[in-house]
Protein backbone atom coordinates (compact mmCIF):
# COMPACT_ATOMS: atom_id res chain seq x y z
CA MET A 1 39.99 85.12 53.01
CA ASN A 2 39.93 86.35 56.59
CA VAL A 3 42.86 86.27 59.01
CA PHE A 4 41.56 83.15 60.78
CA GLY A 5 41.34 81.27 57.49
CA LYS A 6 44.96 82.12 56.70
CA VAL A 7 46.07 80.97 60.16
CA GLY A 8 44.18 77.72 59.67
CA ASP A 9 45.80 77.19 56.27
CA GLN A 10 49.22 77.88 57.75
CA ALA A 11 48.60 75.44 60.60
CA LYS A 12 47.56 72.81 58.06
CA LEU A 13 50.78 73.36 56.08
CA VAL A 14 52.89 73.09 59.23
CA LYS A 15 51.15 69.83 60.14
CA GLN A 16 51.76 68.44 56.64
CA ALA A 17 55.42 69.51 56.78
CA MET A 18 55.88 67.76 60.13
CA ALA A 19 54.28 64.58 58.80
CA LEU A 20 56.59 64.66 55.77
CA LYS A 21 59.62 65.22 58.02
CA LYS A 22 58.70 62.18 60.15
CA ALA A 23 58.14 60.03 57.06
CA LEU A 24 61.53 61.02 55.64
CA GLU A 25 63.30 60.36 58.95
CA ALA A 26 61.76 56.86 59.01
CA GLU A 27 62.87 56.02 55.45
CA ILE A 28 66.17 54.10 55.58
CA ILE A 29 68.42 53.43 52.57
CA SER A 30 71.34 51.02 52.85
CA ILE A 31 74.01 50.49 50.20
CA GLU A 32 76.97 48.12 50.41
CA GLU A 33 79.68 47.94 47.75
CA SER A 34 83.40 47.11 47.69
CA GLY A 35 83.74 46.86 51.47
CA VAL A 36 81.86 50.10 52.12
CA LYS A 37 78.42 50.13 53.74
CA ILE A 38 76.43 53.31 54.23
CA VAL A 39 73.03 53.67 55.85
CA ILE A 40 71.26 56.99 55.33
CA SER A 41 67.81 58.23 56.26
CA GLY A 42 65.39 59.86 53.85
CA ASP A 43 66.11 63.23 55.46
CA GLN A 44 69.73 62.80 54.29
CA LYS A 45 71.39 61.99 57.59
CA ILE A 46 74.07 59.34 57.63
CA LYS A 47 73.18 56.76 60.24
CA GLU A 48 76.04 54.31 59.71
CA LEU A 49 79.26 54.20 57.71
CA VAL A 50 81.40 51.09 57.69
CA VAL A 51 84.61 50.75 55.65
CA ASN A 52 86.18 47.28 55.56
CA GLY A 53 84.38 46.34 58.77
CA MET A 54 85.41 49.46 60.67
CA THR A 55 83.19 52.34 61.74
CA ASN A 56 84.25 55.94 62.36
CA ALA A 57 81.81 58.06 64.38
CA VAL A 58 83.85 61.24 63.81
CA LEU A 59 83.65 60.77 60.04
CA VAL A 60 79.87 60.23 60.22
CA GLU A 61 79.42 63.35 62.37
CA THR A 62 81.60 65.45 60.04
CA LEU A 63 79.79 64.23 56.94
CA ASN A 64 76.42 65.03 58.53
CA LYS A 65 77.62 68.56 59.37
CA ALA A 66 78.75 69.06 55.77
CA LEU A 67 75.44 67.77 54.43
CA LYS A 68 73.52 70.12 56.73
CA LYS A 69 75.55 73.14 55.59
CA SER A 70 74.97 72.15 51.97
CA GLN A 71 71.22 71.84 52.56
CA GLU A 72 71.14 75.23 54.29
CA ALA A 73 72.99 76.84 51.37
CA ALA A 74 70.56 75.26 48.90
CA ALA A 75 67.59 76.49 50.95
CA ARG A 76 69.00 80.05 50.98
CA LYS A 77 69.45 79.99 47.19
CA MET A 78 65.90 78.70 46.74
CA GLN A 79 64.56 81.49 48.97
CA GLU A 80 66.51 84.08 46.98
CA MET A 81 65.08 82.71 43.74
CA ALA A 82 61.55 82.54 45.13
CA GLY A 83 61.85 86.10 46.43
CA GLY A 84 62.58 87.31 42.91
CA MET A 85 59.54 85.44 41.62
CA GLY A 86 57.04 87.07 44.02
CA GLY A 87 54.77 88.24 41.19
CA PHE A 88 54.67 84.75 39.68
CA LEU A 89 53.79 83.20 43.02
CA GLY A 90 50.92 85.57 43.70
CA ARG A 91 52.91 87.78 46.10
CA GLN A 92 53.34 91.49 45.78
């Protein structure tokens, strides 16, 4: 495959990734139990948290920061594992 073909493939993957990101952001899950209501998007961002009728924006922001750090740590671990599997994935 020539360089232009690889660039085209990469552009296609980026476009697909962006479409998936938008679809996940649009997906909304809402759960309400025992006086607690939580609304979260498919990209794992808390949109609303209500406990006994009261909201707490600071709690939502802090939870979202913790979730982001957890996702970043998981992504790093996955990259480390994938790096060790270069031969299996067709990389040298």
